[in-house]
Full PDB file with SEQRES, HELIX, SHEET, SSBOND, CRYST1, ORIGX, SCALE, CONECT and MASTER records, all heavy atoms in Angstrom:
SEQRES   1 A   43  LEU ALA GLN HIS LEU ALA GLY ALA ILE THR PRO GLY ASP          
SEQRES   2 A   43  GLY ARG LEU CYS ILE ALA GLY LEU HIS THR GLY HIS LEU          
SEQRES   3 A   43  HIS ASN ARG VAL TYR GLY ARG GLY GLU LEU LEU LEU ASN          
SEQRES   4 A   43  LEU ALA TYR PRO                                              
HELIX    1 AA1 ALA A    2  ALA A    8  1                                   7    
SHEET    1 AA1 2 ARG A  15  HIS A  22  0                                        
SHEET    2 AA1 2 GLU A  35  ALA A  41 -1                                        
CRYST1    1.000    1.000    1.000  90.00  90.00  90.00 P 1           1          
ORIGX1      1.000000  0.000000  0.000000        0.00000                         
ORIGX2      0.000000  1.000000  0.000000        0.00000                         
ORIGX3      0.000000  0.000000  1.000000        0.00000                         
SCALE1      1.000000  0.000000  0.000000        0.00000                         
SCALE2      0.000000  1.000000  0.000000        0.00000                         
SCALE3      0.000000  0.000000  1.000000        0.00000                         
ATOM      1  N   LEU A   1      -0.252  14.891   8.214  1.00  0.00           N  
ATOM      2  CA  LEU A   1       0.512  13.663   8.465  1.00  0.00           C  
ATOM      3  C   LEU A   1       1.107  13.103   7.180  1.00  0.00           C  
ATOM      4  O   LEU A   1       2.226  12.571   7.193  1.00  0.00           O  
ATOM      5  CB  LEU A   1      -0.389  12.622   9.132  1.00  0.00           C  
ATOM      6  CG  LEU A   1      -0.820  12.937  10.563  1.00  0.00           C  
ATOM      7  CD1 LEU A   1      -1.816  11.891  11.057  1.00  0.00           C  
ATOM      8  CD2 LEU A   1       0.393  12.996  11.499  1.00  0.00           C  
ATOM      9  N   ALA A   2       0.394  13.222   6.071  1.00  0.00           N  
ATOM     10  CA  ALA A   2       0.928  12.729   4.794  1.00  0.00           C  
ATOM     11  C   ALA A   2       2.228  13.447   4.452  1.00  0.00           C  
ATOM     12  O   ALA A   2       3.225  12.820   4.064  1.00  0.00           O  
ATOM     13  CB  ALA A   2      -0.100  12.915   3.683  1.00  0.00           C  
ATOM     14  N   GLN A   3       2.235  14.764   4.612  1.00  0.00           N  
ATOM     15  CA  GLN A   3       3.446  15.524   4.322  1.00  0.00           C  
ATOM     16  C   GLN A   3       4.548  15.202   5.326  1.00  0.00           C  
ATOM     17  O   GLN A   3       5.719  15.056   4.957  1.00  0.00           O  
ATOM     18  CB  GLN A   3       3.139  17.015   4.357  1.00  0.00           C  
ATOM     19  CG  GLN A   3       2.180  17.464   3.271  1.00  0.00           C  
ATOM     20  CD  GLN A   3       1.948  18.961   3.314  1.00  0.00           C  
ATOM     21  OE1 GLN A   3       2.862  19.762   3.081  1.00  0.00           O  
ATOM     22  NE2 GLN A   3       0.727  19.349   3.634  1.00  0.00           N  
ATOM     23  N   HIS A   4       4.170  15.082   6.580  1.00  0.00           N  
ATOM     24  CA  HIS A   4       5.174  14.796   7.608  1.00  0.00           C  
ATOM     25  C   HIS A   4       5.822  13.442   7.376  1.00  0.00           C  
ATOM     26  O   HIS A   4       7.060  13.311   7.438  1.00  0.00           O  
ATOM     27  CB  HIS A   4       4.522  14.831   8.995  1.00  0.00           C  
ATOM     28  CG  HIS A   4       5.496  14.519  10.097  1.00  0.00           C  
ATOM     29  ND1 HIS A   4       6.314  15.469  10.663  1.00  0.00           N  
ATOM     30  CD2 HIS A   4       5.781  13.338  10.724  1.00  0.00           C  
ATOM     31  CE1 HIS A   4       7.069  14.901  11.590  1.00  0.00           C  
ATOM     32  NE2 HIS A   4       6.754  13.609  11.652  1.00  0.00           N  
ATOM     33  N   LEU A   5       5.028  12.427   7.092  1.00  0.00           N  
ATOM     34  CA  LEU A   5       5.572  11.083   6.889  1.00  0.00           C  
ATOM     35  C   LEU A   5       6.436  11.024   5.638  1.00  0.00           C  
ATOM     36  O   LEU A   5       7.465  10.330   5.622  1.00  0.00           O  
ATOM     37  CB  LEU A   5       4.435  10.075   6.792  1.00  0.00           C  
ATOM     38  CG  LEU A   5       3.604   9.891   8.065  1.00  0.00           C  
ATOM     39  CD1 LEU A   5       2.359   9.058   7.775  1.00  0.00           C  
ATOM     40  CD2 LEU A   5       4.427   9.246   9.169  1.00  0.00           C  
ATOM     41  N   ALA A   6       6.045  11.740   4.599  1.00  0.00           N  
ATOM     42  CA  ALA A   6       6.844  11.756   3.377  1.00  0.00           C  
ATOM     43  C   ALA A   6       8.238  12.299   3.624  1.00  0.00           C  
ATOM     44  O   ALA A   6       9.213  11.846   3.022  1.00  0.00           O  
ATOM     45  CB  ALA A   6       6.141  12.575   2.294  1.00  0.00           C  
ATOM     46  N   GLY A   7       8.339  13.267   4.529  1.00  0.00           N  
ATOM     47  CA  GLY A   7       9.643  13.851   4.820  1.00  0.00           C  
ATOM     48  C   GLY A   7      10.415  13.145   5.918  1.00  0.00           C  
ATOM     49  O   GLY A   7      11.650  13.219   5.959  1.00  0.00           O  
ATOM     50  N   ALA A   8       9.702  12.432   6.789  1.00  0.00           N  
ATOM     51  CA  ALA A   8      10.359  11.863   7.967  1.00  0.00           C  
ATOM     52  C   ALA A   8      10.856  10.437   7.766  1.00  0.00           C  
ATOM     53  O   ALA A   8      11.780   9.996   8.451  1.00  0.00           O  
ATOM     54  CB  ALA A   8       9.395  11.898   9.159  1.00  0.00           C  
ATOM     55  N   ILE A   9      10.241   9.688   6.868  1.00  0.00           N  
ATOM     56  CA  ILE A   9      10.613   8.279   6.685  1.00  0.00           C  
ATOM     57  C   ILE A   9      11.651   8.179   5.575  1.00  0.00           C  
ATOM     58  O   ILE A   9      11.425   8.618   4.439  1.00  0.00           O  
ATOM     59  CB  ILE A   9       9.383   7.427   6.326  1.00  0.00           C  
ATOM     60  CG1 ILE A   9       8.360   7.470   7.459  1.00  0.00           C  
ATOM     61  CG2 ILE A   9       9.788   5.984   6.041  1.00  0.00           C  
ATOM     62  CD1 ILE A   9       7.047   6.807   7.128  1.00  0.00           C  
ATOM     63  N   THR A  10      12.787   7.611   5.907  1.00  0.00           N  
ATOM     64  CA  THR A  10      13.848   7.386   4.930  1.00  0.00           C  
ATOM     65  C   THR A  10      13.787   5.938   4.476  1.00  0.00           C  
ATOM     66  O   THR A  10      14.102   5.026   5.245  1.00  0.00           O  
ATOM     67  CB  THR A  10      15.223   7.679   5.548  1.00  0.00           C  
ATOM     68  OG1 THR A  10      15.236   9.030   6.045  1.00  0.00           O  
ATOM     69  CG2 THR A  10      16.327   7.507   4.520  1.00  0.00           C  
ATOM     70  N   PRO A  11      13.364   5.681   3.234  1.00  0.00           N  
ATOM     71  CA  PRO A  11      13.154   4.289   2.836  1.00  0.00           C  
ATOM     72  C   PRO A  11      14.424   3.479   2.677  1.00  0.00           C  
ATOM     73  O   PRO A  11      14.397   2.256   2.791  1.00  0.00           O  
ATOM     74  CB  PRO A  11      12.400   4.418   1.506  1.00  0.00           C  
ATOM     75  CG  PRO A  11      12.711   5.782   1.013  1.00  0.00           C  
ATOM     76  CD  PRO A  11      12.932   6.637   2.217  1.00  0.00           C  
ATOM     77  N   GLY A  12      15.557   4.128   2.403  1.00  0.00           N  
ATOM     78  CA  GLY A  12      16.797   3.368   2.250  1.00  0.00           C  
ATOM     79  C   GLY A  12      16.694   2.376   1.111  1.00  0.00           C  
ATOM     80  O   GLY A  12      16.390   2.740  -0.030  1.00  0.00           O  
ATOM     81  N   ASP A  13      16.915   1.087   1.407  1.00  0.00           N  
ATOM     82  CA  ASP A  13      16.826   0.053   0.378  1.00  0.00           C  
ATOM     83  C   ASP A  13      15.384  -0.254  -0.015  1.00  0.00           C  
ATOM     84  O   ASP A  13      15.144  -1.003  -0.965  1.00  0.00           O  
ATOM     85  CB  ASP A  13      17.496  -1.243   0.854  1.00  0.00           C  
ATOM     86  CG  ASP A  13      19.001  -1.089   0.967  1.00  0.00           C  
ATOM     87  OD1 ASP A  13      19.552  -0.208   0.290  1.00  0.00           O  
ATOM     88  OD2 ASP A  13      19.620  -1.841   1.733  1.00  0.00           O  
ATOM     89  N   GLY A  14      14.424   0.278   0.740  1.00  0.00           N  
ATOM     90  CA  GLY A  14      13.026   0.060   0.415  1.00  0.00           C  
ATOM     91  C   GLY A  14      12.460   1.220  -0.381  1.00  0.00           C  
ATOM     92  O   GLY A  14      13.191   2.078  -0.880  1.00  0.00           O  
ATOM     93  N   ARG A  15      11.153   1.230  -0.522  1.00  0.00           N  
ATOM     94  CA  ARG A  15      10.481   2.334  -1.223  1.00  0.00           C  
ATOM     95  C   ARG A  15       9.235   2.719  -0.440  1.00  0.00           C  
ATOM     96  O   ARG A  15       8.541   1.861   0.112  1.00  0.00           O  
ATOM     97  CB  ARG A  15      10.099   1.944  -2.646  1.00  0.00           C  
ATOM     98  CG  ARG A  15      11.266   1.818  -3.590  1.00  0.00           C  
ATOM     99  CD  ARG A  15      10.824   1.857  -5.055  1.00  0.00           C  
ATOM    100  NE  ARG A  15       9.932   0.783  -5.395  1.00  0.00           N  
ATOM    101  CZ  ARG A  15      10.323  -0.435  -5.734  1.00  0.00           C  
ATOM    102  NH1 ARG A  15      11.596  -0.739  -5.735  1.00  0.00           N  
ATOM    103  NH2 ARG A  15       9.436  -1.356  -6.066  1.00  0.00           N  
ATOM    104  N   LEU A  16       8.963   4.018  -0.430  1.00  0.00           N  
ATOM    105  CA  LEU A  16       7.801   4.562   0.274  1.00  0.00           C  
ATOM    106  C   LEU A  16       6.867   5.208  -0.729  1.00  0.00           C  
ATOM    107  O   LEU A  16       7.287   6.012  -1.561  1.00  0.00           O  
ATOM    108  CB  LEU A  16       8.257   5.597   1.309  1.00  0.00           C  
ATOM    109  CG  LEU A  16       7.161   6.474   1.931  1.00  0.00           C  
ATOM    110  CD1 LEU A  16       6.230   5.639   2.801  1.00  0.00           C  
ATOM    111  CD2 LEU A  16       7.781   7.608   2.734  1.00  0.00           C  
ATOM    112  N   CYS A  17       5.598   4.846  -0.652  1.00  0.00           N  
ATOM    113  CA  CYS A  17       4.570   5.485  -1.472  1.00  0.00           C  
ATOM    114  C   CYS A  17       3.499   6.039  -0.541  1.00  0.00           C  
ATOM    115  O   CYS A  17       2.836   5.275   0.168  1.00  0.00           O  
ATOM    116  CB  CYS A  17       3.952   4.478  -2.451  1.00  0.00           C  
ATOM    117  SG  CYS A  17       2.526   5.125  -3.362  1.00  0.00           S  
ATOM    118  N   ILE A  18       3.360   7.352  -0.506  1.00  0.00           N  
ATOM    119  CA  ILE A  18       2.240   7.975   0.188  1.00  0.00           C  
ATOM    120  C   ILE A  18       1.058   7.862  -0.760  1.00  0.00           C  
ATOM    121  O   ILE A  18       1.014   8.512  -1.811  1.00  0.00           O  
ATOM    122  CB  ILE A  18       2.515   9.449   0.534  1.00  0.00           C  
ATOM    123  CG1 ILE A  18       3.822   9.573   1.327  1.00  0.00           C  
ATOM    124  CG2 ILE A  18       1.340  10.024   1.319  1.00  0.00           C  
ATOM    125  CD1 ILE A  18       3.816   8.923   2.677  1.00  0.00           C  
ATOM    126  N   ALA A  19       0.114   7.019  -0.417  1.00  0.00           N  
ATOM    127  CA  ALA A  19      -0.911   6.615  -1.375  1.00  0.00           C  
ATOM    128  C   ALA A  19      -2.217   7.378  -1.136  1.00  0.00           C  
ATOM    129  O   ALA A  19      -2.214   8.589  -0.996  1.00  0.00           O  
ATOM    130  CB  ALA A  19      -1.120   5.104  -1.291  1.00  0.00           C  
ATOM    131  N   GLY A  20      -3.339   6.647  -1.067  1.00  0.00           N  
ATOM    132  CA  GLY A  20      -4.640   7.300  -1.015  1.00  0.00           C  
ATOM    133  C   GLY A  20      -4.931   8.012   0.294  1.00  0.00           C  
ATOM    134  O   GLY A  20      -4.578   7.533   1.378  1.00  0.00           O  
ATOM    135  N   LEU A  21      -5.601   9.152   0.188  1.00  0.00           N  
ATOM    136  CA  LEU A  21      -6.088   9.896   1.349  1.00  0.00           C  
ATOM    137  C   LEU A  21      -7.547  10.230   1.069  1.00  0.00           C  
ATOM    138  O   LEU A  21      -7.867  10.814   0.027  1.00  0.00           O  
ATOM    139  CB  LEU A  21      -5.269  11.167   1.568  1.00  0.00           C  
ATOM    140  CG  LEU A  21      -5.477  11.939   2.868  1.00  0.00           C  
ATOM    141  CD1 LEU A  21      -4.305  12.900   3.094  1.00  0.00           C  
ATOM    142  CD2 LEU A  21      -6.767  12.726   2.914  1.00  0.00           C  
ATOM    143  N   HIS A  22      -8.425   9.872   2.002  1.00  0.00           N  
ATOM    144  CA  HIS A  22      -9.836  10.142   1.775  1.00  0.00           C  
ATOM    145  C   HIS A  22     -10.518  10.552   3.076  1.00  0.00           C  
ATOM    146  O   HIS A  22     -10.329   9.932   4.118  1.00  0.00           O  
ATOM    147  CB  HIS A  22     -10.552   8.909   1.223  1.00  0.00           C  
ATOM    148  CG  HIS A  22     -12.022   9.136   1.022  1.00  0.00           C  
ATOM    149  ND1 HIS A  22     -12.519   9.911  -0.009  1.00  0.00           N  
ATOM    150  CD2 HIS A  22     -13.097   8.724   1.745  1.00  0.00           C  
ATOM    151  CE1 HIS A  22     -13.827   9.952   0.079  1.00  0.00           C  
ATOM    152  NE2 HIS A  22     -14.215   9.243   1.123  1.00  0.00           N  
ATOM    153  N   THR A  23     -11.306  11.621   2.971  1.00  0.00           N  
ATOM    154  CA  THR A  23     -12.179  12.001   4.076  1.00  0.00           C  
ATOM    155  C   THR A  23     -13.615  12.159   3.579  1.00  0.00           C  
ATOM    156  O   THR A  23     -14.541  11.615   4.181  1.00  0.00           O  
ATOM    157  CB  THR A  23     -11.717  13.312   4.736  1.00  0.00           C  
ATOM    158  OG1 THR A  23     -11.593  14.335   3.732  1.00  0.00           O  
ATOM    159  CG2 THR A  23     -10.377  13.114   5.434  1.00  0.00           C  
ATOM    160  N   GLY A  24     -13.831  12.868   2.484  1.00  0.00           N  
ATOM    161  CA  GLY A  24     -15.182  13.048   1.977  1.00  0.00           C  
ATOM    162  C   GLY A  24     -15.203  13.832   0.696  1.00  0.00           C  
ATOM    163  O   GLY A  24     -14.164  14.300   0.225  1.00  0.00           O  
ATOM    164  N   HIS A  25     -16.407  13.975   0.132  1.00  0.00           N  
ATOM    165  CA  HIS A  25     -16.548  14.613  -1.169  1.00  0.00           C  
ATOM    166  C   HIS A  25     -17.288  15.957  -1.116  1.00  0.00           C  
ATOM    167  O   HIS A  25     -17.292  16.697  -2.100  1.00  0.00           O  
ATOM    168  CB  HIS A  25     -17.318  13.684  -2.124  1.00  0.00           C  
ATOM    169  CG  HIS A  25     -16.628  12.394  -2.403  1.00  0.00           C  
ATOM    170  ND1 HIS A  25     -15.483  12.309  -3.163  1.00  0.00           N  
ATOM    171  CD2 HIS A  25     -16.912  11.120  -2.016  1.00  0.00           C  
ATOM    172  CE1 HIS A  25     -15.092  11.051  -3.255  1.00  0.00           C  
ATOM    173  NE2 HIS A  25     -15.940  10.306  -2.555  1.00  0.00           N  
ATOM    174  N   LEU A  26     -17.943  16.271  -0.016  1.00  0.00           N  
ATOM    175  CA  LEU A  26     -18.809  17.446   0.021  1.00  0.00           C  
ATOM    176  C   LEU A  26     -18.074  18.672   0.560  1.00  0.00           C  
ATOM    177  O   LEU A  26     -17.087  18.571   1.288  1.00  0.00           O  
ATOM    178  CB  LEU A  26     -20.039  17.147   0.879  1.00  0.00           C  
ATOM    179  CG  LEU A  26     -20.901  15.971   0.393  1.00  0.00           C  
ATOM    180  CD1 LEU A  26     -22.056  15.728   1.344  1.00  0.00           C  
ATOM    181  CD2 LEU A  26     -21.429  16.239  -1.025  1.00  0.00           C  
ATOM    182  N   HIS A  27     -18.614  19.832   0.222  1.00  0.00           N  
ATOM    183  CA  HIS A  27     -17.975  21.100   0.591  1.00  0.00           C  
ATOM    184  C   HIS A  27     -18.563  21.702   1.858  1.00  0.00           C  
ATOM    185  O   HIS A  27     -17.973  22.621   2.434  1.00  0.00           O  
ATOM    186  CB  HIS A  27     -18.153  22.121  -0.546  1.00  0.00           C  
ATOM    187  CG  HIS A  27     -19.565  22.557  -0.724  1.00  0.00           C  
ATOM    188  ND1 HIS A  27     -20.511  21.764  -1.354  1.00  0.00           N  
ATOM    189  CD2 HIS A  27     -20.224  23.694  -0.340  1.00  0.00           C  
ATOM    190  CE1 HIS A  27     -21.667  22.400  -1.363  1.00  0.00           C  
ATOM    191  NE2 HIS A  27     -21.534  23.576  -0.755  1.00  0.00           N  
ATOM    192  N   ASN A  28     -19.717  21.221   2.298  1.00  0.00           N  
ATOM    193  CA  ASN A  28     -20.453  21.922   3.354  1.00  0.00           C  
ATOM    194  C   ASN A  28     -20.410  21.205   4.690  1.00  0.00           C  
ATOM    195  O   ASN A  28     -21.371  21.233   5.446  1.00  0.00           O  
ATOM    196  CB  ASN A  28     -21.904  22.138   2.922  1.00  0.00           C  
ATOM    197  CG  ASN A  28     -22.621  20.823   2.635  1.00  0.00           C  
ATOM    198  OD1 ASN A  28     -21.988  19.769   2.606  1.00  0.00           O  
ATOM    199  ND2 ASN A  28     -23.938  20.892   2.433  1.00  0.00           N  
ATOM    200  N   ARG A  29     -19.297  20.546   4.978  1.00  0.00           N  
ATOM    201  CA  ARG A  29     -19.137  19.903   6.277  1.00  0.00           C  
ATOM    202  C   ARG A  29     -17.668  19.689   6.562  1.00  0.00           C  
ATOM    203  O   ARG A  29     -16.822  19.705   5.678  1.00  0.00           O  
ATOM    204  CB  ARG A  29     -19.889  18.569   6.306  1.00  0.00           C  
ATOM    205  CG  ARG A  29     -19.352  17.547   5.328  1.00  0.00           C  
ATOM    206  CD  ARG A  29     -20.206  16.288   5.262  1.00  0.00           C  
ATOM    207  NE  ARG A  29     -20.134  15.533   6.513  1.00  0.00           N  
ATOM    208  CZ  ARG A  29     -20.722  14.351   6.673  1.00  0.00           C  
ATOM    209  NH1 ARG A  29     -21.450  13.823   5.696  1.00  0.00           N  
ATOM    210  NH2 ARG A  29     -20.618  13.705   7.804  1.00  0.00           N  
ATOM    211  N   VAL A  30     -17.380  19.494   7.818  1.00  0.00           N  
ATOM    212  CA  VAL A  30     -16.045  19.099   8.264  1.00  0.00           C  
ATOM    213  C   VAL A  30     -16.094  17.603   8.540  1.00  0.00           C  
ATOM    214  O   VAL A  30     -16.950  17.141   9.307  1.00  0.00           O  
ATOM    215  CB  VAL A  30     -15.627  19.868   9.537  1.00  0.00           C  
ATOM    216  CG1 VAL A  30     -14.356  19.274  10.125  1.00  0.00           C  
ATOM    217  CG2 VAL A  30     -15.436  21.341   9.215  1.00  0.00           C  
ATOM    218  N   TYR A  31     -15.195  16.873   7.931  1.00  0.00           N  
ATOM    219  CA  TYR A  31     -15.174  15.424   8.105  1.00  0.00           C  
ATOM    220  C   TYR A  31     -14.258  15.049   9.268  1.00  0.00           C  
ATOM    221  O   TYR A  31     -13.067  15.379   9.277  1.00  0.00           O  
ATOM    222  CB  TYR A  31     -14.692  14.740   6.828  1.00  0.00           C  
ATOM    223  CG  TYR A  31     -15.681  14.835   5.696  1.00  0.00           C  
ATOM    224  CD1 TYR A  31     -15.577  15.851   4.738  1.00  0.00           C  
ATOM    225  CD2 TYR A  31     -16.736  13.931   5.591  1.00  0.00           C  
ATOM    226  CE1 TYR A  31     -16.487  15.945   3.706  1.00  0.00           C  
ATOM    227  CE2 TYR A  31     -17.657  14.020   4.555  1.00  0.00           C  
ATOM    228  CZ  TYR A  31     -17.523  15.025   3.623  1.00  0.00           C  
ATOM    229  OH  TYR A  31     -18.444  15.129   2.598  1.00  0.00           O  
ATOM    230  N   GLY A  32     -14.823  14.336  10.211  1.00  0.00           N  
ATOM    231  CA  GLY A  32     -14.035  13.898  11.368  1.00  0.00           C  
ATOM    232  C   GLY A  32     -13.388  12.540  11.176  1.00  0.00           C  
ATOM    233  O   GLY A  32     -12.521  12.150  11.950  1.00  0.00           O  
ATOM    234  N   ARG A  33     -13.814  11.818  10.142  1.00  0.00           N  
ATOM    235  CA  ARG A  33     -13.266  10.487   9.894  1.00  0.00           C  
ATOM    236  C   ARG A  33     -12.596  10.449   8.526  1.00  0.00           C  
ATOM    237  O   ARG A  33     -13.035  11.098   7.583  1.00  0.00           O  
ATOM    238  CB  ARG A  33     -14.376   9.424   9.943  1.00  0.00           C  
ATOM    239  CG  ARG A  33     -15.036   9.290  11.298  1.00  0.00           C  
ATOM    240  CD  ARG A  33     -16.210   8.315  11.251  1.00  0.00           C  
ATOM    241  NE  ARG A  33     -16.827   8.148  12.554  1.00  0.00           N  
ATOM    242  CZ  ARG A  33     -17.732   8.974  13.071  1.00  0.00           C  
ATOM    243  NH1 ARG A  33     -18.116  10.025  12.373  1.00  0.00           N  
ATOM    244  NH2 ARG A  33     -18.234   8.758  14.273  1.00  0.00           N  
ATOM    245  N   GLY A  34     -11.555   9.654   8.444  1.00  0.00           N  
ATOM    246  CA  GLY A  34     -10.857   9.502   7.166  1.00  0.00           C  
ATOM    247  C   GLY A  34      -9.723   8.510   7.300  1.00  0.00           C  
ATOM    248  O   GLY A  34      -9.471   7.956   8.380  1.00  0.00           O  
ATOM    249  N   GLU A  35      -9.046   8.269   6.178  1.00  0.00           N  
ATOM    250  CA  GLU A  35      -7.921   7.344   6.200  1.00  0.00           C  
ATOM    251  C   GLU A  35      -6.844   7.781   5.229  1.00  0.00           C  
ATOM    252  O   GLU A  35      -7.115   8.417   4.205  1.00  0.00           O  
ATOM    253  CB  GLU A  35      -8.359   5.911   5.896  1.00  0.00           C  
ATOM    254  CG  GLU A  35      -8.743   5.630   4.459  1.00  0.00           C  
ATOM    255  CD  GLU A  35      -8.958   4.147   4.194  1.00  0.00           C  
ATOM    256  OE1 GLU A  35      -9.262   3.399   5.140  1.00  0.00           O  
ATOM    257  OE2 GLU A  35      -8.826   3.744   3.020  1.00  0.00           O  
ATOM    258  N   LEU A  36      -5.621   7.426   5.598  1.00  0.00           N  
ATOM    259  CA  LEU A  36      -4.436   7.678   4.789  1.00  0.00           C  
ATOM    260  C   LEU A  36      -3.706   6.351   4.637  1.00  0.00           C  
ATOM    261  O   LEU A  36      -3.500   5.635   5.625  1.00  0.00           O  
ATOM    262  CB  LEU A  36      -3.536   8.716   5.482  1.00  0.00           C  
ATOM    263  CG  LEU A  36      -2.115   8.882   4.946  1.00  0.00           C  
ATOM    264  CD1 LEU A  36      -2.146   9.464   3.532  1.00  0.00           C  
ATOM    265  CD2 LEU A  36      -1.299   9.769   5.883  1.00  0.00           C  
ATOM    266  N   LEU A  37      -3.306   6.026   3.412  1.00  0.00           N  
ATOM    267  CA  LEU A  37      -2.619   4.763   3.145  1.00  0.00           C  
ATOM    268  C   LEU A  37      -1.171   5.007   2.756  1.00  0.00           C  
ATOM    269  O   LEU A  37      -0.862   5.936   1.998  1.00  0.00           O  
ATOM    270  CB  LEU A  37      -3.326   3.984   2.027  1.00  0.00           C  
ATOM    271  CG  LEU A  37      -4.774   3.583   2.289  1.00  0.00           C  
ATOM    272  CD1 LEU A  37      -5.362   2.921   1.050  1.00  0.00           C  
ATOM    273  CD2 LEU A  37      -4.869   2.649   3.490  1.00  0.00           C  
ATOM    274  N   LEU A  38      -0.309   4.155   3.243  1.00  0.00           N  
ATOM    275  CA  LEU A  38       1.101   4.160   2.873  1.00  0.00           C  
ATOM    276  C   LEU A  38       1.470   2.758   2.398  1.00  0.00           C  
ATOM    277  O   LEU A  38       1.092   1.773   3.037  1.00  0.00           O  
ATOM    278  CB  LEU A  38       2.014   4.509   4.061  1.00  0.00           C  
ATOM    279  CG  LEU A  38       2.123   5.948   4.546  1.00  0.00           C  
ATOM    280  CD1 LEU A  38       0.845   6.405   5.214  1.00  0.00           C  
ATOM    281  CD2 LEU A  38       3.292   6.070   5.513  1.00  0.00           C  
ATOM    282  N   ASN A  39       2.185   2.673   1.300  1.00  0.00           N  
ATOM    283  CA  ASN A  39       2.689   1.387   0.843  1.00  0.00           C  
ATOM    284  C   ASN A  39       4.202   1.408   0.912  1.00  0.00           C  
ATOM    285  O   ASN A  39       4.841   2.360   0.452  1.00  0.00           O  
ATOM    286  CB  ASN A  39       2.227   1.078  -0.582  1.00  0.00           C  
ATOM    287  CG  ASN A  39       2.125  -0.410  -0.834  1.00  0.00           C  
ATOM    288  OD1 ASN A  39       1.473  -1.127  -0.090  1.00  0.00           O  
ATOM    289  ND2 ASN A  39       2.764  -0.882  -1.883  1.00  0.00           N  
ATOM    290  N   LEU A  40       4.776   0.369   1.481  1.00  0.00           N  
ATOM    291  CA  LEU A  40       6.222   0.312   1.688  1.00  0.00           C  
ATOM    292  C   LEU A  40       6.748  -1.000   1.120  1.00  0.00           C  
ATOM    293  O   LEU A  40       6.333  -2.080   1.549  1.00  0.00           O  
ATOM    294  CB  LEU A  40       6.565   0.416   3.172  1.00  0.00           C  
ATOM    295  CG  LEU A  40       6.035   1.680   3.865  1.00  0.00           C  
ATOM    296  CD1 LEU A  40       4.896   1.316   4.808  1.00  0.00           C  
ATOM    297  CD2 LEU A  40       7.141   2.389   4.618  1.00  0.00           C  
ATOM    298  N   ALA A  41       7.636  -0.897   0.146  1.00  0.00           N  
ATOM    299  CA  ALA A  41       8.260  -2.083  -0.436  1.00  0.00           C  
ATOM    300  C   ALA A  41       9.613  -2.296   0.221  1.00  0.00           C  
ATOM    301  O   ALA A  41      10.310  -1.337   0.581  1.00  0.00           O  
ATOM    302  CB  ALA A  41       8.425  -1.918  -1.938  1.00  0.00           C  
ATOM    303  N   TYR A  42       9.997  -3.562   0.367  1.00  0.00           N  
ATOM    304  CA  TYR A  42      11.255  -3.876   1.051  1.00  0.00           C  
ATOM    305  C   TYR A  42      11.910  -5.093   0.402  1.00  0.00           C  
ATOM    306  O   TYR A  42      11.236  -6.011  -0.054  1.00  0.00           O  
ATOM    307  CB  TYR A  42      11.004  -4.135   2.537  1.00  0.00           C  
ATOM    308  CG  TYR A  42       9.919  -5.143   2.825  1.00  0.00           C  
ATOM    309  CD1 TYR A  42      10.201  -6.500   2.960  1.00  0.00           C  
ATOM    310  CD2 TYR A  42       8.586  -4.743   2.956  1.00  0.00           C  
ATOM    311  CE1 TYR A  42       9.195  -7.424   3.222  1.00  0.00           C  
ATOM    312  CE2 TYR A  42       7.566  -5.664   3.208  1.00  0.00           C  
ATOM    313  CZ  TYR A  42       7.890  -7.000   3.339  1.00  0.00           C  
ATOM    314  OH  TYR A  42       6.897  -7.915   3.588  1.00  0.00           O  
ATOM    315  N   PRO A  43      13.261  -5.101   0.350  1.00  0.00           N  
ATOM    316  CA  PRO A  43      13.970  -6.210  -0.289  1.00  0.00           C  
ATOM    317  C   PRO A  43      14.291  -7.362   0.651  1.00  0.00           C  
ATOM    318  O   PRO A  43      14.722  -8.419   0.193  1.00  0.00           O  
ATOM    319  CB  PRO A  43      15.257  -5.554  -0.800  1.00  0.00           C  
ATOM    320  CG  PRO A  43      15.526  -4.486   0.220  1.00  0.00           C  
ATOM    321  CD  PRO A  43      14.168  -3.986   0.663  1.00  0.00           C  
TER     322      PRO A  43                                                      
MASTER        0    0    0    1    2    0    0    6  321    1    0    4          
END                                                                             
């Protein structure tokens, strides 16, 4: 979704920042929960 949103949203007069993405730190599990942040500036 981070890659898709970066390519699909045209900020125009605004600005788009694909920011933090976090699910987990360990190697021996699949994380079912996580979050992705987007910051959008507008004039």
